[in-house]
Amino acid sequence: MTVPAPPVARQAGCIAIDGRGVLIEGAPGTGKSSLALALIDRGAELIGDDSVMLAAENGRLIASPHPNTHGLIEVRNLGLLPFPCRENAPVALIVTLDPGAPRYIEKPEQAVLTGIAVPMVRLWPQECPPALKVELALDQYGLQF
């Protein structure tokens, strides 16, 4: 019997839209938490901010809250605030906030985390986070579960 590998911490945020996880990555100050907050305002559920736990389960990448930041999100100028938190979700898409993001893509890149390939798109970080772009990318390129 194969024993599953323990979850690993990853510096990223994660929200769930209709049960599908979106991992939000990028350099410090690119707006990861602001993007998560904008998506939560549009109906997404918080899984984790700044750090999440990732595990491979049955061929899917599962994200769950990091125990040190469970149910907290950093709201710039206000601090760490409590939010309702979903306990886990399969990751369907990785969004990387990147000032070098291409203007358009024909297909998503792939990232392999804990042995699981997940589609990845790069979005230009902006003062107003591109929440609608994340929803469109999830619909267009995200894994279906």
C-alpha atoms as a PDB file:
ATOM      1  CA  MET A   1       0.000   0.000   0.000  1.00  0.00           C
ATOM      2  CA  THR A   2       1.334   3.430  -0.950  1.00  0.00           C
ATOM      3  CA  VAL A   3       1.364   6.009   1.805  1.00  0.00           C
ATOM      4  CA  PRO A   4       0.400   9.476   0.506  1.00  0.00           C
ATOM      5  CA  ALA A   5       3.058  12.168   0.831  1.00  0.00           C
ATOM      6  CA  PRO A   6       2.364  14.762   3.523  1.00  0.00           C
ATOM      7  CA  PRO A   7       1.091  18.167   2.358  1.00  0.00           C
ATOM      8  CA  VAL A   8       3.713  20.781   1.512  1.00  0.00           C
ATOM      9  CA  ALA A   9       3.475  24.509   2.210  1.00  0.00           C
ATOM     10  CA  ARG A  10       3.566  26.872  -0.776  1.00  0.00           C
ATOM     11  CA  GLN A  11       3.778  30.644  -0.654  1.00  0.00           C
ATOM     12  CA  ALA A  12       0.616  31.502  -2.570  1.00  0.00           C
ATOM     13  CA  GLY A  13      -2.979  32.421  -1.986  1.00  0.00           C
ATOM     14  CA  CYS A  14      -5.918  30.260  -2.980  1.00  0.00           C
ATOM     15  CA  ILE A  15      -9.625  30.787  -3.449  1.00  0.00           C
ATOM     16  CA  ALA A  16     -12.350  28.473  -4.708  1.00  0.00           C
ATOM     17  CA  ILE A  17     -14.902  29.365  -7.371  1.00  0.00           C
ATOM     18  CA  ASP A  18     -17.775  26.863  -7.567  1.00  0.00           C
ATOM     19  CA  GLY A  19     -15.601  24.322  -5.756  1.00  0.00           C
ATOM     20  CA  ARG A  20     -12.581  24.658  -8.092  1.00  0.00           C
ATOM     21  CA  GLY A  21      -9.412  26.042  -6.552  1.00  0.00           C
ATOM     22  CA  VAL A  22      -7.417  28.887  -8.075  1.00  0.00           C
ATOM     23  CA  LEU A  23      -3.882  29.216  -6.753  1.00  0.00           C
ATOM     24  CA  ILE A  24      -2.709  32.861  -6.839  1.00  0.00           C
ATOM     25  CA  GLU A  25       1.051  33.362  -7.085  1.00  0.00           C
ATOM     26  CA  GLY A  26       3.398  36.275  -7.690  1.00  0.00           C
ATOM     27  CA  ALA A  27       6.164  38.339  -6.194  1.00  0.00           C
ATOM     28  CA  PRO A  28       5.535  40.247  -2.947  1.00  0.00           C
ATOM     29  CA  GLY A  29       3.463  43.381  -3.523  1.00  0.00           C
ATOM     30  CA  THR A  30       1.920  42.263  -6.829  1.00  0.00           C
ATOM     31  CA  GLY A  31      -1.604  42.169  -5.370  1.00  0.00           C
ATOM     32  CA  LYS A  32      -2.228  38.499  -4.580  1.00  0.00           C
ATOM     33  CA  SER A  33      -4.284  39.250  -1.471  1.00  0.00           C
ATOM     34  CA  SER A  34      -6.112  42.112  -3.197  1.00  0.00           C
ATOM     35  CA  LEU A  35      -7.022  39.809  -6.065  1.00  0.00           C
ATOM     36  CA  ALA A  36      -8.253  37.146  -3.627  1.00  0.00           C
ATOM     37  CA  LEU A  37     -10.309  39.781  -1.808  1.00  0.00           C
ATOM     38  CA  ALA A  38     -11.853  40.993  -5.098  1.00  0.00           C
ATOM     39  CA  LEU A  39     -12.750  37.411  -6.027  1.00  0.00           C
ATOM     40  CA  ILE A  40     -14.247  36.797  -2.576  1.00  0.00           C
ATOM     41  CA  ASP A  41     -16.351  39.925  -3.103  1.00  0.00           C
ATOM     42  CA  ARG A  42     -17.627  38.268  -6.305  1.00  0.00           C
ATOM     43  CA  GLY A  43     -18.599  35.047  -4.464  1.00  0.00           C
ATOM     44  CA  ALA A  44     -15.362  33.036  -4.241  1.00  0.00           C
ATOM     45  CA  GLU A  45     -14.383  31.272  -1.005  1.00  0.00           C
ATOM     46  CA  LEU A  46     -11.068  31.819   0.773  1.00  0.00           C
ATOM     47  CA  ILE A  47      -8.842  28.773   1.165  1.00  0.00           C
ATOM     48  CA  GLY A  48      -5.657  30.543   2.161  1.00  0.00           C
ATOM     49  CA  ASP A  49      -3.752  33.796   1.935  1.00  0.00           C
ATOM     50  CA  ASP A  50       0.029  34.021   1.560  1.00  0.00           C
ATOM     51  CA  SER A  51       0.559  30.320   2.301  1.00  0.00           C
ATOM     52  CA  VAL A  52      -1.423  27.187   1.536  1.00  0.00           C
ATOM     53  CA  MET A  53      -0.874  23.475   1.972  1.00  0.00           C
ATOM     54  CA  LEU A  54      -0.776  21.359  -1.196  1.00  0.00           C
ATOM     55  CA  ALA A  55      -1.162  17.606  -1.484  1.00  0.00           C
ATOM     56  CA  ALA A  56      -1.608  15.122  -4.324  1.00  0.00           C
ATOM     57  CA  GLU A  57      -4.773  13.048  -3.855  1.00  0.00           C
ATOM     58  CA  ASN A  58      -6.194  10.668  -6.448  1.00  0.00           C
ATOM     59  CA  GLY A  59      -4.486  12.476  -9.333  1.00  0.00           C
ATOM     60  CA  ARG A  60      -5.588  15.941  -8.232  1.00  0.00           C
ATOM     61  CA  LEU A  61      -3.745  18.766  -6.503  1.00  0.00           C
ATOM     62  CA  ILE A  62      -5.631  19.625  -3.315  1.00  0.00           C
ATOM     63  CA  ALA A  63      -5.178  23.000  -1.602  1.00  0.00           C
ATOM     64  CA  SER A  64      -6.031  23.561   2.048  1.00  0.00           C
ATOM     65  CA  PRO A  65      -5.430  26.406   4.512  1.00  0.00           C
ATOM     66  CA  HIS A  66      -2.037  26.715   6.159  1.00  0.00           C
ATOM     67  CA  PRO A  67      -2.548  26.137   9.903  1.00  0.00           C
ATOM     68  CA  ASN A  68      -0.731  29.380  10.827  1.00  0.00           C
ATOM     69  CA  THR A  69      -3.002  31.606   8.694  1.00  0.00           C
ATOM     70  CA  HIS A  70      -6.243  29.587   8.635  1.00  0.00           C
ATOM     71  CA  GLY A  71      -9.195  31.920   8.082  1.00  0.00           C
ATOM     72  CA  LEU A  72      -7.079  35.087   7.797  1.00  0.00           C
ATOM     73  CA  ILE A  73      -6.459  37.392   4.850  1.00  0.00           C
ATOM     74  CA  GLU A  74      -4.216  40.439   4.742  1.00  0.00           C
ATOM     75  CA  VAL A  75      -6.146  43.526   3.743  1.00  0.00           C
ATOM     76  CA  ARG A  76      -3.593  46.202   2.941  1.00  0.00           C
ATOM     77  CA  ASN A  77      -3.848  49.176   5.317  1.00  0.00           C
ATOM     78  CA  LEU A  78      -6.178  47.230   7.646  1.00  0.00           C
ATOM     79  CA  GLY A  79      -4.099  44.207   8.683  1.00  0.00           C
ATOM     80  CA  LEU A  80      -4.942  40.522   9.036  1.00  0.00           C
ATOM     81  CA  LEU A  81      -8.709  40.083   9.118  1.00  0.00           C
ATOM     82  CA  PRO A  82     -10.776  36.950   9.785  1.00  0.00           C
ATOM     83  CA  PHE A  83     -12.773  35.502   6.878  1.00  0.00           C
ATOM     84  CA  PRO A  84     -14.878  32.378   6.415  1.00  0.00           C
ATOM     85  CA  CYS A  85     -12.588  29.674   5.081  1.00  0.00           C
ATOM     86  CA  ARG A  86     -13.167  26.612   2.895  1.00  0.00           C
ATOM     87  CA  GLU A  87     -11.212  23.592   4.149  1.00  0.00           C
ATOM     88  CA  ASN A  88      -9.973  22.367   0.756  1.00  0.00           C
ATOM     89  CA  ALA A  89     -10.511  22.325  -2.996  1.00  0.00           C
ATOM     90  CA  PRO A  90      -8.913  20.675  -6.010  1.00  0.00           C
ATOM     91  CA  VAL A  91      -6.715  23.198  -7.827  1.00  0.00           C
ATOM     92  CA  ALA A  92      -8.049  23.774 -11.352  1.00  0.00           C
ATOM     93  CA  LEU A  93      -5.871  26.760 -12.309  1.00  0.00           C
ATOM     94  CA  ILE A  94      -2.774  28.657 -11.242  1.00  0.00           C
ATOM     95  CA  VAL A  95      -2.773  32.429 -11.785  1.00  0.00           C
ATOM     96  CA  THR A  96       0.621  34.109 -11.610  1.00  0.00           C
ATOM     97  CA  LEU A  97       0.679  37.891 -11.273  1.00  0.00           C
ATOM     98  CA  ASP A  98       3.593  38.828 -13.514  1.00  0.00           C
ATOM     99  CA  PRO A  99       4.517  42.212 -15.052  1.00  0.00           C
ATOM    100  CA  GLY A 100       5.995  40.247 -17.971  1.00  0.00           C
ATOM    101  CA  ALA A 101       2.706  38.491 -18.751  1.00  0.00           C
ATOM    102  CA  PRO A 102       2.014  38.097 -22.473  1.00  0.00           C
ATOM    103  CA  ARG A 103      -0.685  40.229 -24.054  1.00  0.00           C
ATOM    104  CA  TYR A 104      -2.601  37.123 -25.153  1.00  0.00           C
ATOM    105  CA  ILE A 105      -2.130  33.363 -25.142  1.00  0.00           C
ATOM    106  CA  GLU A 106      -3.297  30.529 -27.352  1.00  0.00           C
ATOM    107  CA  LYS A 107      -3.138  27.995 -24.530  1.00  0.00           C
ATOM    108  CA  PRO A 108      -2.140  28.012 -20.880  1.00  0.00           C
ATOM    109  CA  GLU A 109       1.287  27.047 -19.595  1.00  0.00           C
ATOM    110  CA  GLN A 110       1.533  23.980 -17.345  1.00  0.00           C
ATOM    111  CA  ALA A 111       2.973  23.896 -13.845  1.00  0.00           C
ATOM    112  CA  VAL A 112       3.730  20.647 -12.028  1.00  0.00           C
ATOM    113  CA  LEU A 113       3.219  20.782  -8.258  1.00  0.00           C
ATOM    114  CA  THR A 114       3.568  17.665  -6.078  1.00  0.00           C
ATOM    115  CA  GLY A 115       3.642  15.656  -9.315  1.00  0.00           C
ATOM    116  CA  ILE A 116       0.326  17.021 -10.631  1.00  0.00           C
ATOM    117  CA  ALA A 117       0.148  19.126 -13.831  1.00  0.00           C
ATOM    118  CA  VAL A 118      -2.114  22.180 -13.551  1.00  0.00           C
ATOM    119  CA  PRO A 119      -2.846  24.847 -16.195  1.00  0.00           C
ATOM    120  CA  MET A 120      -1.234  28.226 -15.448  1.00  0.00           C
ATOM    121  CA  VAL A 121      -1.902  31.693 -16.832  1.00  0.00           C
ATOM    122  CA  ARG A 122       0.070  34.861 -16.199  1.00  0.00           C
ATOM    123  CA  LEU A 123      -1.797  38.109 -15.616  1.00  0.00           C
ATOM    124  CA  TRP A 124      -0.431  41.632 -15.458  1.00  0.00           C
ATOM    125  CA  PRO A 125      -0.641  42.897 -11.838  1.00  0.00           C
ATOM    126  CA  GLN A 126      -2.770  46.020 -11.639  1.00  0.00           C
ATOM    127  CA  GLU A 127      -3.927  48.544  -9.080  1.00  0.00           C
ATOM    128  CA  CYS A 128      -7.440  47.155  -9.598  1.00  0.00           C
ATOM    129  CA  PRO A 129      -7.042  43.352  -9.469  1.00  0.00           C
ATOM    130  CA  PRO A 130      -8.230  41.508 -12.589  1.00  0.00           C
ATOM    131  CA  ALA A 131     -10.927  39.397 -10.865  1.00  0.00           C
ATOM    132  CA  LEU A 132     -13.020  39.056 -14.020  1.00  0.00           C
ATOM    133  CA  LYS A 133      -9.932  37.841 -15.939  1.00  0.00           C
ATOM    134  CA  VAL A 134      -9.409  35.086 -13.365  1.00  0.00           C
ATOM    135  CA  GLU A 135     -13.015  33.923 -13.734  1.00  0.00           C
ATOM    136  CA  LEU A 136     -12.686  33.940 -17.532  1.00  0.00           C
ATOM    137  CA  ALA A 137      -9.363  32.031 -17.376  1.00  0.00           C
ATOM    138  CA  LEU A 138     -10.909  29.426 -15.066  1.00  0.00           C
ATOM    139  CA  ASP A 139     -13.842  28.949 -17.464  1.00  0.00           C
ATOM    140  CA  GLN A 140     -11.579  28.809 -20.528  1.00  0.00           C
ATOM    141  CA  TYR A 141      -8.518  26.905 -19.293  1.00  0.00           C
ATOM    142  CA  GLY A 142      -9.217  25.449 -15.820  1.00  0.00           C
ATOM    143  CA  LEU A 143      -9.419  21.751 -15.115  1.00  0.00           C
ATOM    144  CA  GLN A 144     -12.936  20.358 -14.877  1.00  0.00           C
ATOM    145  CA  PHE A 145     -13.830  18.157 -11.914  1.00  0.00           C
END
